[in-house]
Structure formats: C-alpha cells, structure tokens
Amino acid sequence: QVQLVESGGGLVQPGGSLRLSCATSGFTFSSYGMNWYRQPPGKERELVAGISSVGDSRYYGDSVKGRFTISRDNAKNTVSLQMNNLKPEDTAVYYCKARRDTVTYWGQGTQVTVSS
C-alpha cells in the first residue's frame, strides 16, 4: 500500500522557519522524482519545489527561490522541505508528490500558516 505522510506544518510568525517532511512507503522511493506543492486558500495548487530521483537536480518556484530548500534521503524514503524567511503569502496546505513517468502518488497535506 502506497503511503505519503507529510508532517511539520503549523503556525509560524513572518520571518520564521519550518521544516516539512514526507515519509513514504509502498513504492521504490529511489526511482521516483519528488515534488512539494502547495494550495493557498481559494487558489489552485502550485508547484513549489522538485528533486530528481537521485537528488542531483532541483527545481524551485520563483516565489520560494533562496528561501526554501528541498532534500531527500533515499535510505529513509523521505523528502523534506526547509522553509526559511516565511511570509504570509506562504500560507497554504503543502503536499508532497511522487512521480515516475505517468505514475503519481500524493500525500494528504499539511497546513502551514504564517501569521503574526
């Protein structure tokens, strides 16, 4: 059974940091590229960051470049998103996604709220 479970979300003040983690099981993690998406209230889901299956290539959305860092541990089947200098506009539900060719798996999401 495929599972992707996000954790690490919460309430943080502007300028603060959070580290999201996505624990996976049920598929060959090291064969899949991994992405973090987010969906702000009332808006569409958007791609935040991505990392290749072996971790040698990363992608970041323009709005998070220089503030967020994606990483993965293929030994632990986890992918993480370090988020620094958080802004109110980063408030969203954050999802991790596994992808390989046409196969995709999604987690259930974790809420991040940036507010003073």
N, C-alpha and C. Protein backbone atom coordinates (compact mmCIF):
# COMPACT_ATOMS: atom_id res chain seq x y z
N GLN A 1 0.84 -1.19 0.00
CA GLN A 1 0.00 0.00 0.00
C GLN A 1 0.89 1.25 0.00
N VAL A 2 0.65 2.11 -0.97
CA VAL A 2 1.44 3.33 -1.07
C VAL A 2 0.98 4.34 -0.03
N GLN A 3 1.95 4.92 0.66
CA GLN A 3 1.63 5.97 1.63
C GLN A 3 2.65 7.09 1.53
N LEU A 4 2.15 8.31 1.58
CA LEU A 4 2.97 9.50 1.70
C LEU A 4 2.35 10.32 2.83
N VAL A 5 3.11 10.57 3.86
CA VAL A 5 2.60 11.24 5.04
C VAL A 5 3.45 12.46 5.34
N GLU A 6 2.84 13.62 5.17
CA GLU A 6 3.52 14.88 5.46
C GLU A 6 3.42 15.23 6.93
N SER A 7 4.42 15.91 7.43
CA SER A 7 4.41 16.39 8.80
C SER A 7 5.26 17.65 8.90
N GLY A 8 5.15 18.35 10.02
CA GLY A 8 5.98 19.52 10.25
C GLY A 8 5.30 20.85 10.04
N GLY A 9 4.06 20.83 9.58
CA GLY A 9 3.34 22.08 9.40
C GLY A 9 2.94 22.70 10.73
N GLY A 10 2.42 23.92 10.66
CA GLY A 10 1.98 24.59 11.87
C GLY A 10 1.86 26.08 11.65
N LEU A 11 1.76 26.78 12.77
CA LEU A 11 1.65 28.24 12.77
C LEU A 11 3.02 28.83 13.08
N VAL A 12 3.45 29.78 12.26
CA VAL A 12 4.75 30.42 12.46
C VAL A 12 4.62 31.90 12.14
N GLN A 13 5.41 32.71 12.81
CA GLN A 13 5.40 34.14 12.54
C GLN A 13 6.18 34.47 11.27
N PRO A 14 5.84 35.58 10.64
CA PRO A 14 6.62 36.01 9.47
C PRO A 14 8.11 36.11 9.81
N GLY A 15 8.93 35.62 8.88
CA GLY A 15 10.36 35.58 9.12
C GLY A 15 10.84 34.30 9.76
N GLY A 16 9.93 33.49 10.22
CA GLY A 16 10.29 32.24 10.87
C GLY A 16 10.58 31.12 9.89
N SER A 17 10.84 29.95 10.46
CA SER A 17 11.20 28.78 9.66
C SER A 17 10.38 27.57 10.06
N LEU A 18 10.19 26.68 9.12
CA LEU A 18 9.59 25.38 9.34
C LEU A 18 10.30 24.37 8.46
N ARG A 19 10.29 23.13 8.90
CA ARG A 19 10.82 22.04 8.09
C ARG A 19 9.72 21.00 7.92
N LEU A 20 9.30 20.81 6.68
CA LEU A 20 8.31 19.79 6.37
C LEU A 20 9.01 18.50 5.99
N SER A 21 8.41 17.40 6.36
CA SER A 21 8.91 16.09 5.98
C SER A 21 7.79 15.27 5.36
N CYS A 22 8.17 14.40 4.47
CA CYS A 22 7.22 13.48 3.84
C CYS A 22 7.80 12.08 3.94
N ALA A 23 7.18 11.26 4.75
CA ALA A 23 7.61 9.87 4.92
C ALA A 23 6.83 8.99 3.96
N THR A 24 7.53 8.15 3.22
CA THR A 24 6.86 7.36 2.19
C THR A 24 7.08 5.86 2.41
N SER A 25 6.19 5.08 1.83
CA SER A 25 6.31 3.63 1.85
C SER A 25 5.45 3.05 0.76
N GLY A 26 5.73 1.80 0.40
CA GLY A 26 4.90 1.10 -0.56
C GLY A 26 5.30 1.23 -2.01
N PHE A 27 6.39 1.94 -2.28
CA PHE A 27 6.89 2.04 -3.65
C PHE A 27 8.40 2.24 -3.58
N THR A 28 9.06 2.11 -4.72
CA THR A 28 10.52 2.23 -4.76
C THR A 28 10.90 3.70 -4.79
N PHE A 29 11.06 4.25 -3.62
CA PHE A 29 11.25 5.69 -3.46
C PHE A 29 12.41 6.22 -4.32
N SER A 30 13.50 5.51 -4.36
CA SER A 30 14.69 5.99 -5.06
C SER A 30 14.53 6.05 -6.57
N SER A 31 13.41 5.53 -7.08
CA SER A 31 13.14 5.58 -8.52
C SER A 31 12.21 6.72 -8.91
N TYR A 32 11.77 7.46 -7.93
CA TYR A 32 10.77 8.50 -8.18
C TYR A 32 11.34 9.89 -7.93
N GLY A 33 11.00 10.80 -8.84
CA GLY A 33 11.21 12.20 -8.52
C GLY A 33 10.18 12.63 -7.49
N MET A 34 10.54 13.60 -6.69
CA MET A 34 9.65 14.06 -5.63
C MET A 34 9.41 15.56 -5.75
N ASN A 35 8.20 15.95 -5.47
CA ASN A 35 7.82 17.35 -5.54
C ASN A 35 7.09 17.77 -4.27
N TRP A 36 7.20 19.05 -3.98
CA TRP A 36 6.34 19.70 -2.99
C TRP A 36 5.44 20.69 -3.74
N TYR A 37 4.16 20.59 -3.48
CA TYR A 37 3.17 21.51 -4.00
C TYR A 37 2.53 22.23 -2.81
N ARG A 38 1.85 23.31 -3.11
CA ARG A 38 1.04 23.97 -2.08
C ARG A 38 -0.23 24.53 -2.70
N GLN A 39 -1.24 24.64 -1.85
CA GLN A 39 -2.52 25.20 -2.29
C GLN A 39 -2.97 26.23 -1.27
N PRO A 40 -2.81 27.51 -1.63
CA PRO A 40 -3.28 28.57 -0.73
C PRO A 40 -4.80 28.59 -0.69
N PRO A 41 -5.37 29.19 0.33
CA PRO A 41 -6.84 29.25 0.43
C PRO A 41 -7.46 29.91 -0.80
N GLY A 42 -8.41 29.23 -1.42
CA GLY A 42 -9.12 29.79 -2.55
C GLY A 42 -8.35 29.83 -3.85
N LYS A 43 -7.16 29.21 -3.87
CA LYS A 43 -6.33 29.24 -5.08
C LYS A 43 -6.02 27.84 -5.56
N GLU A 44 -5.44 27.76 -6.75
CA GLU A 44 -5.08 26.47 -7.30
C GLU A 44 -3.77 25.96 -6.69
N ARG A 45 -3.62 24.66 -6.77
CA ARG A 45 -2.38 24.04 -6.29
C ARG A 45 -1.23 24.44 -7.21
N GLU A 46 -0.07 24.73 -6.61
CA GLU A 46 1.08 25.15 -7.40
C GLU A 46 2.33 24.38 -6.98
N LEU A 47 3.21 24.20 -7.96
CA LEU A 47 4.48 23.51 -7.70
C LEU A 47 5.43 24.44 -6.96
N VAL A 48 5.98 23.96 -5.86
CA VAL A 48 6.89 24.74 -5.05
C VAL A 48 8.35 24.34 -5.32
N ALA A 49 8.61 23.04 -5.29
CA ALA A 49 9.98 22.57 -5.44
C ALA A 49 9.95 21.12 -5.91
N GLY A 50 11.03 20.72 -6.57
CA GLY A 50 11.15 19.34 -7.02
C GLY A 50 12.58 18.87 -6.92
N ILE A 51 12.75 17.55 -6.83
CA ILE A 51 14.08 16.96 -6.75
C ILE A 51 14.06 15.66 -7.52
N SER A 52 15.14 15.40 -8.23
CA SER A 52 15.22 14.19 -9.04
C SER A 52 15.36 12.95 -8.15
N SER A 53 15.25 11.80 -8.78
CA SER A 53 15.25 10.55 -8.01
C SER A 53 16.54 10.33 -7.22
N VAL A 54 17.66 10.77 -7.78
CA VAL A 54 18.93 10.58 -7.08
C VAL A 54 19.41 11.86 -6.40
N GLY A 55 18.62 12.91 -6.51
CA GLY A 55 18.95 14.14 -5.80
C GLY A 55 19.93 15.06 -6.47
N ASP A 56 20.21 14.82 -7.75
CA ASP A 56 21.24 15.63 -8.41
C ASP A 56 20.65 16.81 -9.17
N SER A 57 19.35 16.96 -9.15
CA SER A 57 18.71 18.07 -9.83
C SER A 57 17.56 18.57 -8.97
N ARG A 58 17.48 19.89 -8.83
CA ARG A 58 16.42 20.51 -8.03
C ARG A 58 15.76 21.62 -8.81
N TYR A 59 14.50 21.85 -8.48
CA TYR A 59 13.74 22.94 -9.09
C TYR A 59 13.04 23.71 -7.97
N TYR A 60 12.95 25.03 -8.15
CA TYR A 60 12.22 25.86 -7.20
C TYR A 60 11.35 26.85 -7.95
N GLY A 61 10.16 27.09 -7.42
CA GLY A 61 9.32 28.13 -7.96
C GLY A 61 9.93 29.49 -7.67
N ASP A 62 9.63 30.45 -8.49
CA ASP A 62 10.23 31.78 -8.35
C ASP A 62 9.93 32.39 -6.98
N SER A 63 8.76 32.14 -6.45
CA SER A 63 8.37 32.78 -5.20
C SER A 63 9.10 32.23 -3.98
N VAL A 64 9.78 31.10 -4.12
CA VAL A 64 10.44 30.50 -2.96
C VAL A 64 11.95 30.38 -3.14
N LYS A 65 12.46 30.72 -4.29
CA LYS A 65 13.90 30.62 -4.53
C LYS A 65 14.68 31.44 -3.51
N GLY A 66 15.72 30.80 -2.98
CA GLY A 66 16.55 31.46 -1.98
C GLY A 66 16.02 31.35 -0.57
N ARG A 67 14.80 30.86 -0.41
CA ARG A 67 14.21 30.72 0.93
C ARG A 67 13.93 29.26 1.29
N PHE A 68 13.56 28.46 0.30
CA PHE A 68 13.20 27.06 0.54
C PHE A 68 14.29 26.15 -0.03
N THR A 69 14.48 25.01 0.63
CA THR A 69 15.43 24.01 0.16
C THR A 69 14.80 22.64 0.24
N ILE A 70 14.81 21.94 -0.89
CA ILE A 70 14.28 20.58 -0.92
C ILE A 70 15.45 19.60 -0.81
N SER A 71 15.23 18.51 -0.10
CA SER A 71 16.25 17.47 0.03
C SER A 71 15.57 16.13 0.18
N ARG A 72 16.33 15.07 -0.02
CA ARG A 72 15.77 13.73 0.12
C ARG A 72 16.80 12.80 0.73
N ASP A 73 16.29 11.77 1.36
CA ASP A 73 17.13 10.72 1.94
C ASP A 73 16.61 9.40 1.41
N ASN A 74 17.29 8.85 0.43
CA ASN A 74 16.81 7.61 -0.19
C ASN A 74 16.97 6.40 0.72
N ALA A 75 17.79 6.51 1.73
CA ALA A 75 17.93 5.42 2.70
C ALA A 75 16.74 5.38 3.66
N LYS A 76 16.13 6.54 3.88
CA LYS A 76 14.99 6.63 4.82
C LYS A 76 13.67 6.84 4.11
N ASN A 77 13.72 6.92 2.76
CA ASN A 77 12.48 7.10 1.97
C ASN A 77 11.72 8.36 2.37
N THR A 78 12.46 9.43 2.57
CA THR A 78 11.83 10.68 2.97
C THR A 78 12.30 11.84 2.09
N VAL A 79 11.45 12.82 1.97
CA VAL A 79 11.79 14.05 1.31
C VAL A 79 11.40 15.19 2.24
N SER A 80 12.22 16.23 2.26
CA SER A 80 12.00 17.33 3.18
C SER A 80 11.97 18.66 2.44
N LEU A 81 11.38 19.64 3.09
CA LEU A 81 11.36 21.00 2.57
C LEU A 81 11.68 21.93 3.73
N GLN A 82 12.86 22.52 3.68
CA GLN A 82 13.25 23.51 4.67
C GLN A 82 12.77 24.87 4.19
N MET A 83 11.97 25.52 5.00
CA MET A 83 11.37 26.80 4.62
C MET A 83 11.85 27.88 5.58
N ASN A 84 12.57 28.83 5.05
CA ASN A 84 13.10 29.94 5.85
C ASN A 84 12.48 31.26 5.42
N ASN A 85 12.60 32.25 6.30
CA ASN A 85 12.08 33.59 5.99
C ASN A 85 10.65 33.51 5.46
N LEU A 86 9.81 32.83 6.19
CA LEU A 86 8.44 32.61 5.74
C LEU A 86 7.66 33.91 5.71
N LYS A 87 6.76 33.98 4.74
CA LYS A 87 5.94 35.16 4.51
C LYS A 87 4.46 34.77 4.62
N PRO A 88 3.60 35.72 4.91
CA PRO A 88 2.16 35.39 4.98
C PRO A 88 1.65 34.72 3.71
N GLU A 89 2.20 35.10 2.57
CA GLU A 89 1.75 34.50 1.31
C GLU A 89 2.20 33.05 1.12
N ASP A 90 3.01 32.56 2.05
CA ASP A 90 3.37 31.14 2.02
C ASP A 90 2.31 30.27 2.70
N THR A 91 1.32 30.91 3.30
CA THR A 91 0.24 30.16 3.95
C THR A 91 -0.48 29.29 2.93
N ALA A 92 -0.56 28.01 3.23
CA ALA A 92 -1.15 27.05 2.29
C ALA A 92 -1.15 25.66 2.92
N VAL A 93 -1.84 24.76 2.27
CA VAL A 93 -1.67 23.34 2.55
C VAL A 93 -0.56 22.83 1.64
N TYR A 94 0.41 22.18 2.23
CA TYR A 94 1.58 21.69 1.48
C TYR A 94 1.46 20.18 1.28
N TYR A 95 1.69 19.76 0.05
CA TYR A 95 1.57 18.36 -0.33
C TYR A 95 2.89 17.85 -0.92
N CYS A 96 3.22 16.62 -0.65
CA CYS A 96 4.31 16.00 -1.38
C CYS A 96 3.73 15.06 -2.43
N LYS A 97 4.47 14.94 -3.51
CA LYS A 97 4.05 14.10 -4.62
C LYS A 97 5.24 13.30 -5.13
N ALA A 98 5.01 12.03 -5.39
CA ALA A 98 6.00 11.17 -6.03
C ALA A 98 5.61 10.99 -7.49
N ARG A 99 6.58 11.02 -8.38
CA ARG A 99 6.28 10.88 -9.80
C ARG A 99 7.35 10.06 -10.50
N ARG A 100 6.86 9.19 -11.40
CA ARG A 100 7.75 8.47 -12.30
C ARG A 100 6.96 8.18 -13.55
N ASP A 101 7.39 8.73 -14.64
CA ASP A 101 6.65 8.63 -15.90
C ASP A 101 5.22 9.12 -15.66
N THR A 102 4.24 8.28 -15.88
CA THR A 102 2.84 8.71 -15.72
C THR A 102 2.27 8.33 -14.35
N VAL A 103 3.10 7.75 -13.50
CA VAL A 103 2.63 7.32 -12.19
C VAL A 103 2.87 8.42 -11.17
N THR A 104 1.85 8.78 -10.44
CA THR A 104 1.98 9.79 -9.39
C THR A 104 1.26 9.32 -8.13
N TYR A 105 1.83 9.69 -7.00
CA TYR A 105 1.21 9.45 -5.71
C TYR A 105 1.25 10.75 -4.92
N TRP A 106 0.19 11.00 -4.18
CA TRP A 106 0.08 12.23 -3.39
C TRP A 106 -0.08 11.91 -1.91
N GLY A 107 0.44 12.82 -1.09
CA GLY A 107 0.16 12.78 0.32
C GLY A 107 -1.14 13.53 0.62
N GLN A 108 -1.50 13.55 1.90
CA GLN A 108 -2.76 14.16 2.30
C GLN A 108 -2.63 15.64 2.64
N GLY A 109 -1.39 16.12 2.77
CA GLY A 109 -1.15 17.53 3.00
C GLY A 109 -0.95 17.89 4.46
N THR A 110 -0.24 19.00 4.65
CA THR A 110 -0.04 19.56 5.99
C THR A 110 -0.19 21.07 5.91
N GLN A 111 -0.88 21.63 6.89
CA GLN A 111 -1.19 23.06 6.86
C GLN A 111 -0.01 23.88 7.39
N VAL A 112 0.34 24.91 6.64
CA VAL A 112 1.32 25.90 7.08
C VAL A 112 0.63 27.25 7.11
N THR A 113 0.68 27.89 8.26
CA THR A 113 0.07 29.21 8.42
C THR A 113 1.13 30.18 8.91
N VAL A 114 1.33 31.24 8.15
CA VAL A 114 2.31 32.27 8.51
C VAL A 114 1.55 33.52 8.89
N SER A 115 1.59 33.85 10.16
CA SER A 115 0.80 34.97 10.66
C SER A 115 1.39 35.47 11.97
N SER A 116 1.24 36.77 12.18
CA SER A 116 1.67 37.34 13.45
C SER A 116 0.50 37.41 14.43
